[in-house]
């Protein structure tokens, strides 16, 4: 029996490298890749380490001359934050009773890895570090025990004297910023408070101003990235793209025939389409609260098209301009379809637990009243406390 077992183990460990490469390429999640690398040394050498085991990116970016409030020129730092969903493996639930969807709903967390394998928990709403960790949360999390899926990665600029604050410049000089891996390498686009649009590429010693005329109400623009291009969208829906290699601009959508001014707007993309999400506060005889609508970009016609039920198979997350993500509902069992989980900053400060001011609203509808909210404080329990199925250390 031992000989047969050893022979079988030898056969698995001696698989050709090209075959191991193909197997690793079929793995959908980083946690699957981690378990793949745990089989033996040969398998570990054949595949790169999962990204969630690497230290988060920290870059030093050149200074922008427009930021002249400081006595001496400084530099920018760029910090990387990643949002994950963590859920138990199917084999890890051995209860006789079938667990409810809420009991096994994936845990959405934001992490920043200070060094390989070591991460700090971050607040999903404002990116601040979570220092008061719940006693029930294990100090060590073996990701091989869970299904781990990367939802999105976001970046924030900060300056040297405020380097510990990832949002030091948010809302002061840059209304919106977007950094992504592109065909031309890692780069970013920022919309400066004075109305300028600037680009920076990895290794560049200075920012490049993009020649484009923006309206006077420049702080109502938003920026995003989708399928190899940066997008800049005005409050009226007028949209242009920026090529990451040539930095050439192109108008791809005209103004909407009907647009509202007092809105918050966000750009989110699926694997195929780019969506413009609009949030509006409604207070009338019928309803009172936030309402969300979604439009899809039709580049062929050059318009944003209002969609009805377009996100029926997706779940949307929005935390102002800190991060946003559109996730297929099949990857997030227990979460509401065609709904948006959003940070409501009017609730900030009412609770001391992390990610406490998230609410849920139906697309083209109102808030899901009382859903996962504490009855006394109205704070969200969506992402805290940690789920009971986490293994205690």
Protein backbone atom coordinates (compact mmCIF):
# COMPACT_ATOMS: atom_id res chain seq x y z
CA UNK A 1 0.00 0.00 0.00
CA UNK A 2 2.81 2.38 0.91
CA UNK A 3 4.65 1.51 -2.31
CA UNK A 4 1.53 2.24 -4.35
CA UNK A 5 1.02 5.53 -2.49
CA UNK A 6 4.64 6.56 -3.00
CA UNK A 7 4.48 5.66 -6.70
CA UNK A 8 1.31 7.70 -7.11
CA UNK A 9 2.89 10.68 -5.32
CA UNK A 10 5.97 10.40 -7.53
CA UNK A 11 3.83 10.43 -10.67
CA UNK A 12 2.02 13.60 -9.59
CA UNK A 13 5.22 15.41 -8.61
CA UNK A 14 6.89 14.51 -11.90
CA UNK A 15 4.29 16.05 -14.19
CA UNK A 16 5.82 18.04 -17.07
CA UNK A 17 6.27 21.78 -16.51
CA UNK A 18 4.19 22.70 -19.58
CA UNK A 19 1.27 20.64 -18.27
CA UNK A 20 1.55 22.25 -14.82
CA UNK A 21 1.54 25.65 -16.50
CA UNK A 22 -1.72 24.80 -18.26
CA UNK A 23 -3.30 23.54 -15.03
CA UNK A 24 -2.25 26.66 -13.13
CA UNK A 25 -3.63 28.83 -15.92
CA UNK A 26 -7.08 27.28 -15.47
CA UNK A 27 -7.31 28.14 -11.77
CA UNK A 28 -9.87 30.90 -11.24
CA UNK A 29 -8.91 32.17 -7.79
CA UNK A 30 -5.74 33.11 -5.96
CA UNK A 31 -6.59 30.73 -3.13
CA UNK A 32 -6.80 27.84 -5.62
CA UNK A 33 -3.35 28.85 -6.88
CA UNK A 34 -2.08 28.84 -3.29
CA UNK A 35 -3.34 25.33 -2.71
CA UNK A 36 -1.88 24.24 -6.06
CA UNK A 37 1.54 25.50 -4.94
CA UNK A 38 1.22 23.62 -1.65
CA UNK A 39 1.21 20.16 -3.27
CA UNK A 40 4.98 19.79 -3.63
CA UNK A 41 8.14 21.73 -4.46
CA UNK A 42 7.85 21.04 -8.18
CA UNK A 43 4.35 22.47 -8.33
CA UNK A 44 5.41 25.46 -6.24
CA UNK A 45 8.25 26.26 -8.66
CA UNK A 46 5.93 25.99 -11.67
CA UNK A 47 3.54 28.79 -10.65
CA UNK A 48 4.04 32.35 -9.34
CA UNK A 49 3.07 33.21 -5.79
CA UNK A 50 -0.55 34.39 -5.40
CA UNK A 51 -0.86 38.17 -5.44
CA UNK A 52 -2.53 38.20 -2.02
CA UNK A 53 0.71 36.86 -0.51
CA UNK A 54 2.83 39.69 -1.90
CA UNK A 55 3.47 43.06 -0.29
CA UNK A 56 1.12 45.80 -1.49
CA UNK A 57 2.56 48.24 -3.96
CA UNK A 58 4.11 51.46 -2.62
CA UNK A 59 5.43 53.87 -5.24
CA UNK A 60 7.12 57.24 -5.17
CA UNK A 61 5.68 59.62 -7.75
CA UNK A 62 7.02 63.00 -8.89
CA UNK A 63 5.60 66.23 -7.52
CA UNK A 64 3.11 68.35 -9.43
CA UNK A 65 4.04 72.08 -9.64
CA UNK A 66 0.38 73.02 -9.18
CA UNK A 67 0.53 71.82 -5.57
CA UNK A 68 2.20 74.99 -4.30
CA UNK A 69 0.62 75.30 -0.84
CA UNK A 70 3.66 73.62 0.69
CA UNK A 71 6.82 75.62 1.34
CA UNK A 72 9.14 73.06 -0.24
CA UNK A 73 8.53 70.71 -3.18
CA UNK A 74 7.80 67.20 -2.04
CA UNK A 75 6.80 63.95 -3.67
CA UNK A 76 3.71 61.80 -3.82
CA UNK A 77 3.39 58.31 -2.46
CA UNK A 78 0.96 55.85 -4.00
CA UNK A 79 -0.52 53.15 -1.78
CA UNK A 80 -2.28 50.01 -2.92
CA UNK A 81 -5.37 48.49 -1.26
CA UNK A 82 -7.17 45.31 -2.32
CA UNK A 83 -10.73 44.18 -1.62
CA UNK A 84 -11.35 40.44 -1.26
CA UNK A 85 -14.28 38.14 -0.66
CA UNK A 86 -13.53 35.24 1.67
CA UNK A 87 -15.87 32.29 2.10
CA UNK A 88 -15.62 28.79 3.56
CA UNK A 89 -14.73 25.87 1.34
CA UNK A 90 -17.65 23.53 0.62
CA UNK A 91 -15.96 20.75 2.59
CA UNK A 92 -15.43 22.95 5.65
CA UNK A 93 -19.11 22.92 6.69
CA UNK A 94 -19.95 19.64 8.41
CA UNK A 95 -23.15 20.61 10.18
CA UNK A 96 -26.16 18.35 9.80
CA UNK A 97 -28.35 21.32 9.08
CA UNK A 98 -27.83 23.17 5.81
CA UNK A 99 -26.35 26.59 6.71
CA UNK A 100 -28.34 29.63 5.71
CA UNK A 101 -27.15 31.99 2.98
CA UNK A 102 -26.53 34.70 5.58
CA UNK A 103 -24.43 32.35 7.73
CA UNK A 104 -22.11 31.45 4.86
CA UNK A 105 -22.25 34.74 2.97
CA UNK A 106 -18.72 35.71 1.82
CA UNK A 107 -16.93 38.18 4.05
CA UNK A 108 -15.90 41.32 2.16
CA UNK A 109 -12.65 42.78 3.49
CA UNK A 110 -10.04 45.30 2.44
CA UNK A 111 -6.40 44.40 3.10
CA UNK A 112 -3.08 46.12 2.67
CA UNK A 113 -0.05 43.83 2.80
CA UNK A 114 2.87 45.51 4.57
CA UNK A 115 5.13 42.56 3.76
CA UNK A 116 4.60 39.19 2.06
CA UNK A 117 2.03 37.20 4.01
CA UNK A 118 1.27 39.97 6.54
CA UNK A 119 -1.74 42.23 6.03
CA UNK A 120 -3.50 45.05 7.84
CA UNK A 121 -7.27 45.17 7.85
CA UNK A 122 -8.70 48.40 6.39
CA UNK A 123 -12.07 50.09 6.68
CA UNK A 124 -14.02 49.50 3.48
CA UNK A 125 -15.45 53.01 3.49
CA UNK A 126 -12.50 55.33 4.18
CA UNK A 127 -9.44 53.00 3.83
CA UNK A 128 -8.31 53.77 7.40
CA UNK A 129 -6.47 51.04 9.30
CA UNK A 130 -8.60 48.94 11.65
CA UNK A 131 -6.80 49.01 14.98
CA UNK A 132 -9.45 47.67 17.34
CA UNK A 133 -9.75 44.15 15.99
CA UNK A 134 -12.56 41.98 17.29
CA UNK A 135 -11.41 39.36 19.80
CA UNK A 136 -13.09 36.66 17.75
CA UNK A 137 -11.02 37.45 14.67
CA UNK A 138 -8.07 35.06 14.31
CA UNK A 139 -4.65 36.68 14.28
CA UNK A 140 -3.47 34.24 11.63
CA UNK A 141 -5.60 33.33 8.62
CA UNK A 142 -4.55 30.37 6.49
CA UNK A 143 -6.03 31.32 3.12
CA UNK A 144 -5.77 27.71 1.96
CA UNK A 145 -8.73 26.99 4.27
CA UNK A 146 -10.99 29.39 2.37
CA UNK A 147 -12.17 30.36 -1.06
CA UNK A 148 -10.54 33.77 -1.67
CA UNK A 149 -11.54 35.96 -4.60
CA UNK A 150 -10.01 39.33 -5.45
CA UNK A 151 -12.77 41.87 -6.09
CA UNK A 152 -10.75 44.96 -6.98
CA UNK A 153 -7.58 46.91 -6.29
CA UNK A 154 -7.57 50.64 -5.60
CA UNK A 155 -4.82 53.23 -5.16
CA UNK A 156 -4.62 56.49 -3.21
CA UNK A 157 -2.14 59.35 -3.43
CA UNK A 158 -0.57 60.83 -0.33
CA UNK A 159 2.29 63.20 0.43
CA UNK A 160 5.41 62.56 2.46
CA UNK A 161 4.47 64.54 5.56
CA UNK A 162 1.08 62.79 5.60
CA UNK A 163 2.30 59.46 4.31
CA UNK A 164 0.42 57.49 6.94
CA UNK A 165 -2.85 59.00 5.73
CA UNK A 166 -3.88 57.40 2.42
CA UNK A 167 -6.51 60.09 1.83
CA UNK A 168 -4.32 63.10 2.58
CA UNK A 169 -5.02 64.67 -0.80
CA UNK A 170 -8.49 63.32 -1.39
CA UNK A 171 -10.85 66.22 -2.11
CA UNK A 172 -8.13 68.86 -1.75
CA UNK A 173 -6.14 68.77 -4.97
CA UNK A 174 -7.48 65.75 -6.80
CA UNK A 175 -11.20 65.21 -7.15
CA UNK A 176 -10.64 61.84 -8.78
CA UNK A 177 -7.68 59.65 -9.61
CA UNK A 178 -7.34 56.33 -11.38
CA UNK A 179 -4.25 54.06 -11.49
CA UNK A 180 -4.18 50.79 -13.41
CA UNK A 181 -1.98 48.24 -15.14
CA UNK A 182 -2.30 49.06 -18.85
CA UNK A 183 -0.87 47.78 -22.11
CA UNK A 184 1.78 50.49 -21.80
CA UNK A 185 2.62 49.58 -18.18
CA UNK A 186 1.38 50.82 -14.83
CA UNK A 187 0.11 54.39 -15.03
CA UNK A 188 -2.38 56.83 -13.59
CA UNK A 189 -4.68 59.68 -14.53
CA UNK A 190 -5.62 62.45 -12.07
CA UNK A 191 -8.14 65.26 -12.28
CA UNK A 192 -6.59 68.21 -10.48
CA UNK A 193 -8.70 70.65 -8.45
CA UNK A 194 -7.70 73.53 -10.73
CA UNK A 195 -9.18 71.81 -13.76
CA UNK A 196 -6.12 70.10 -15.25
CA UNK A 197 -5.90 66.51 -16.40
CA UNK A 198 -2.51 64.87 -15.81
CA UNK A 199 -1.03 61.46 -16.60
CA UNK A 200 1.94 59.62 -15.12
CA UNK A 201 3.60 56.42 -16.32
CA UNK A 202 5.75 54.02 -14.32
CA UNK A 203 9.34 55.27 -14.32
CA UNK A 204 8.37 58.76 -15.44
CA UNK A 205 10.14 61.70 -13.78
CA UNK A 206 7.28 64.12 -14.32
CA UNK A 207 3.56 64.32 -15.00
CA UNK A 208 2.23 64.99 -18.48
CA UNK A 209 -0.59 67.49 -18.84
CA UNK A 210 -3.21 66.28 -21.30
CA UNK A 211 -4.40 68.97 -23.66
CA UNK A 212 -8.16 69.00 -23.28
CA UNK A 213 -10.67 71.73 -22.53
CA UNK A 214 -12.87 71.03 -19.52
CA UNK A 215 -15.91 72.96 -18.39
CA UNK A 216 -15.62 75.49 -15.58
CA UNK A 217 -17.42 73.10 -13.26
CA UNK A 218 -14.44 70.76 -13.47
CA UNK A 219 -14.93 69.18 -10.04
CA UNK A 220 -18.03 67.39 -11.35
CA UNK A 221 -15.93 65.17 -13.65
CA UNK A 222 -15.08 61.57 -12.83
CA UNK A 223 -12.35 59.32 -14.21
CA UNK A 224 -12.13 55.56 -14.67
CA UNK A 225 -10.48 52.76 -16.62
CA UNK A 226 -12.07 50.03 -18.73
CA UNK A 227 -10.83 47.60 -21.39
CA UNK A 228 -7.53 49.33 -22.08
CA UNK A 229 -8.66 52.98 -21.98
CA UNK A 230 -9.10 55.75 -19.43
CA UNK A 231 -12.47 57.51 -19.39
CA UNK A 232 -13.35 61.05 -18.31
CA UNK A 233 -17.06 61.79 -17.82
CA UNK A 234 -18.69 65.16 -17.12
CA UNK A 235 -21.83 65.81 -15.08
CA UNK A 236 -23.82 65.97 -18.33
CA UNK A 237 -22.60 62.60 -19.58
CA UNK A 238 -20.12 64.03 -22.10
CA UNK A 239 -17.34 61.43 -22.26
CA UNK A 240 -13.85 61.21 -23.68
CA UNK A 241 -11.23 58.48 -23.64
CA UNK A 242 -7.48 58.76 -23.10
CA UNK A 243 -5.20 56.26 -24.80
CA UNK A 244 -2.68 55.01 -22.19
CA UNK A 245 0.15 54.78 -24.73
CA UNK A 246 -0.22 57.88 -26.91
CA UNK A 247 -2.30 59.94 -24.41
CA UNK A 248 -4.49 60.97 -27.33
CA UNK A 249 -8.08 61.87 -26.44
CA UNK A 250 -11.29 60.99 -28.25
CA UNK A 251 -14.90 62.00 -27.59
CA UNK A 252 -17.03 58.86 -27.33
CA UNK A 253 -20.35 60.10 -25.87
CA UNK A 254 -22.37 63.29 -26.16
CA UNK A 255 -24.29 65.03 -23.41
CA UNK A 256 -27.38 63.24 -22.14
CA UNK A 257 -30.67 64.73 -23.28
CA UNK A 258 -31.88 64.68 -19.69
CA UNK A 259 -29.33 65.02 -16.93
CA UNK A 260 -29.59 65.98 -13.31
CA UNK A 261 -27.08 68.20 -11.56
CA UNK A 262 -27.22 67.25 -7.88
CA UNK A 263 -25.95 63.72 -8.30
CA UNK A 264 -23.02 61.57 -7.28
CA UNK A 265 -21.64 59.61 -10.21
CA UNK A 266 -19.43 56.53 -10.39
CA UNK A 267 -17.88 54.52 -13.22
CA UNK A 268 -17.88 50.73 -12.90
CA UNK A 269 -17.14 48.09 -15.49
CA UNK A 270 -18.08 44.49 -16.10
CA UNK A 271 -16.04 42.16 -18.29
CA UNK A 272 -17.74 43.63 -21.35
CA UNK A 273 -19.50 46.92 -20.59
CA UNK A 274 -18.90 50.23 -18.84
CA UNK A 275 -21.65 51.61 -16.61
CA UNK A 276 -22.35 55.07 -15.23
CA UNK A 277 -24.03 54.81 -11.82
CA UNK A 278 -25.92 57.86 -10.54
CA UNK A 279 -26.96 58.35 -6.93
CA UNK A 280 -29.62 60.88 -6.01
CA UNK A 281 -31.21 61.82 -2.70
CA UNK A 282 -34.99 61.90 -3.05
CA UNK A 283 -37.29 63.55 -0.52
CA UNK A 284 -40.87 63.80 -1.71
CA UNK A 285 -44.35 62.57 -0.83
CA UNK A 286 -43.63 59.13 -2.21
CA UNK A 287 -40.19 58.31 -0.80
CA UNK A 288 -37.27 59.66 1.15
CA UNK A 289 -33.73 58.36 0.71
CA UNK A 290 -31.17 57.47 -1.92
CA UNK A 291 -32.08 56.15 -5.33
CA UNK A 292 -29.69 54.68 -7.90
CA UNK A 293 -29.89 54.44 -11.67
CA UNK A 294 -27.52 52.81 -14.15
CA UNK A 295 -26.66 53.75 -17.74
CA UNK A 296 -24.52 51.70 -20.15
CA UNK A 297 -22.09 53.27 -22.61
CA UNK A 298 -22.87 52.65 -26.26
CA UNK A 299 -19.70 53.84 -28.00
CA UNK A 300 -21.06 52.97 -31.45
CA UNK A 301 -23.96 55.44 -31.01
CA UNK A 302 -22.00 57.79 -28.77
CA UNK A 303 -24.57 57.81 -25.95
CA UNK A 304 -25.24 56.57 -22.43
CA UNK A 305 -28.33 54.36 -22.43
CA UNK A 306 -30.46 54.08 -19.30
CA UNK A 307 -30.77 50.40 -18.42
CA UNK A 308 -33.67 48.63 -16.75
CA UNK A 309 -32.64 45.58 -14.74
CA UNK A 310 -29.19 45.49 -16.38
CA UNK A 311 -27.52 44.46 -13.14
CA UNK A 312 -29.93 41.64 -12.31
CA UNK A 313 -27.04 39.17 -12.30
CA UNK A 314 -24.56 41.42 -10.49
CA UNK A 315 -23.84 43.01 -7.13
CA UNK A 316 -22.51 46.56 -7.02
CA UNK A 317 -20.22 48.07 -4.36
CA UNK A 318 -19.49 51.81 -4.08
CA UNK A 319 -17.44 53.71 -1.50
CA UNK A 320 -17.41 57.25 -2.93
CA UNK A 321 -14.25 57.70 -5.03
CA UNK A 322 -12.23 55.30 -2.86
CA UNK A 323 -13.30 52.18 -4.76
CA UNK A 324 -16.15 50.59 -6.65
CA UNK A 325 -16.74 47.15 -8.11
CA UNK A 326 -19.31 45.22 -10.10
CA UNK A 327 -19.26 41.53 -9.18
CA UNK A 328 -21.22 38.64 -10.76
CA UNK A 329 -23.83 37.54 -8.24
CA UNK A 330 -22.82 33.88 -8.66
CA UNK A 331 -19.55 34.74 -6.91
CA UNK A 332 -21.30 36.30 -3.90
CA UNK A 333 -24.00 33.92 -2.62
CA UNK A 334 -26.21 35.57 -0.02
CA UNK A 335 -25.85 39.11 -1.42
CA UNK A 336 -28.80 40.85 -3.06
CA UNK A 337 -28.85 40.94 -6.87
CA UNK A 338 -29.46 44.17 -8.76
CA UNK A 339 -28.55 46.07 -5.59
CA UNK A 340 -25.81 48.45 -4.60
CA UNK A 341 -23.92 48.27 -1.30
CA UNK A 342 -22.79 51.84 -0.74
CA UNK A 343 -21.04 53.89 1.91
CA UNK A 344 -23.48 56.41 3.37
CA UNK A 345 -21.22 59.02 4.92
CA UNK A 346 -24.19 60.63 6.69
CA UNK A 347 -23.94 57.67 9.09
CA UNK A 348 -20.21 58.12 9.79
CA UNK A 349 -19.24 58.38 13.43
CA UNK A 350 -22.36 56.69 14.81
CA UNK A 351 -20.52 53.41 15.47
CA UNK A 352 -16.97 52.48 16.36
CA UNK A 353 -16.78 49.18 14.46
CA UNK A 354 -15.18 49.02 10.99
CA UNK A 355 -17.14 49.60 7.78
CA UNK A 356 -20.14 50.62 9.83
CA UNK A 357 -21.88 53.01 7.47
CA UNK A 358 -22.79 50.86 4.50
CA UNK A 359 -26.37 50.57 3.30
CA UNK A 360 -28.14 48.62 0.59
CA UNK A 361 -30.36 50.01 -2.15
CA UNK A 362 -32.08 48.44 -5.11
CA UNK A 363 -31.13 49.78 -8.54
CA UNK A 364 -33.93 52.08 -9.72
CA UNK A 365 -35.47 51.72 -6.28
CA UNK A 366 -35.04 52.81 -2.69
CA UNK A 367 -33.16 51.59 0.35
CA UNK A 368 -33.64 48.09 1.66
CA UNK A 369 -34.98 49.38 4.97
CA UNK A 370 -33.58 47.72 8.07
CA UNK A 371 -31.67 45.07 6.12
CA UNK A 372 -28.62 44.18 8.19
CA UNK A 373 -28.81 47.45 10.17
CA UNK A 374 -28.54 47.76 13.94
CA UNK A 375 -32.00 48.90 15.13
CA UNK A 376 -30.70 51.49 17.61
CA UNK A 377 -27.81 53.08 15.74
CA UNK A 378 -28.80 52.27 12.13
CA UNK A 379 -25.21 51.15 11.57
CA UNK A 380 -24.46 48.43 9.10
CA UNK A 381 -23.67 44.87 10.16
CA UNK A 382 -22.95 43.81 6.60
CA UNK A 383 -19.19 43.48 6.98
CA UNK A 384 -18.73 43.43 10.77
CA UNK A 385 -18.51 41.51 13.05
CA UNK A 386 -16.46 38.82 11.28
CA UNK A 387 -18.38 35.64 10.36
CA UNK A 388 -18.52 32.81 12.87
CA UNK A 389 -17.09 30.30 10.37
CA UNK A 390 -13.62 31.90 10.48
CA UNK A 391 -11.26 29.46 12.16
CA UNK A 392 -9.98 30.75 15.48
CA UNK A 393 -6.22 30.84 15.92
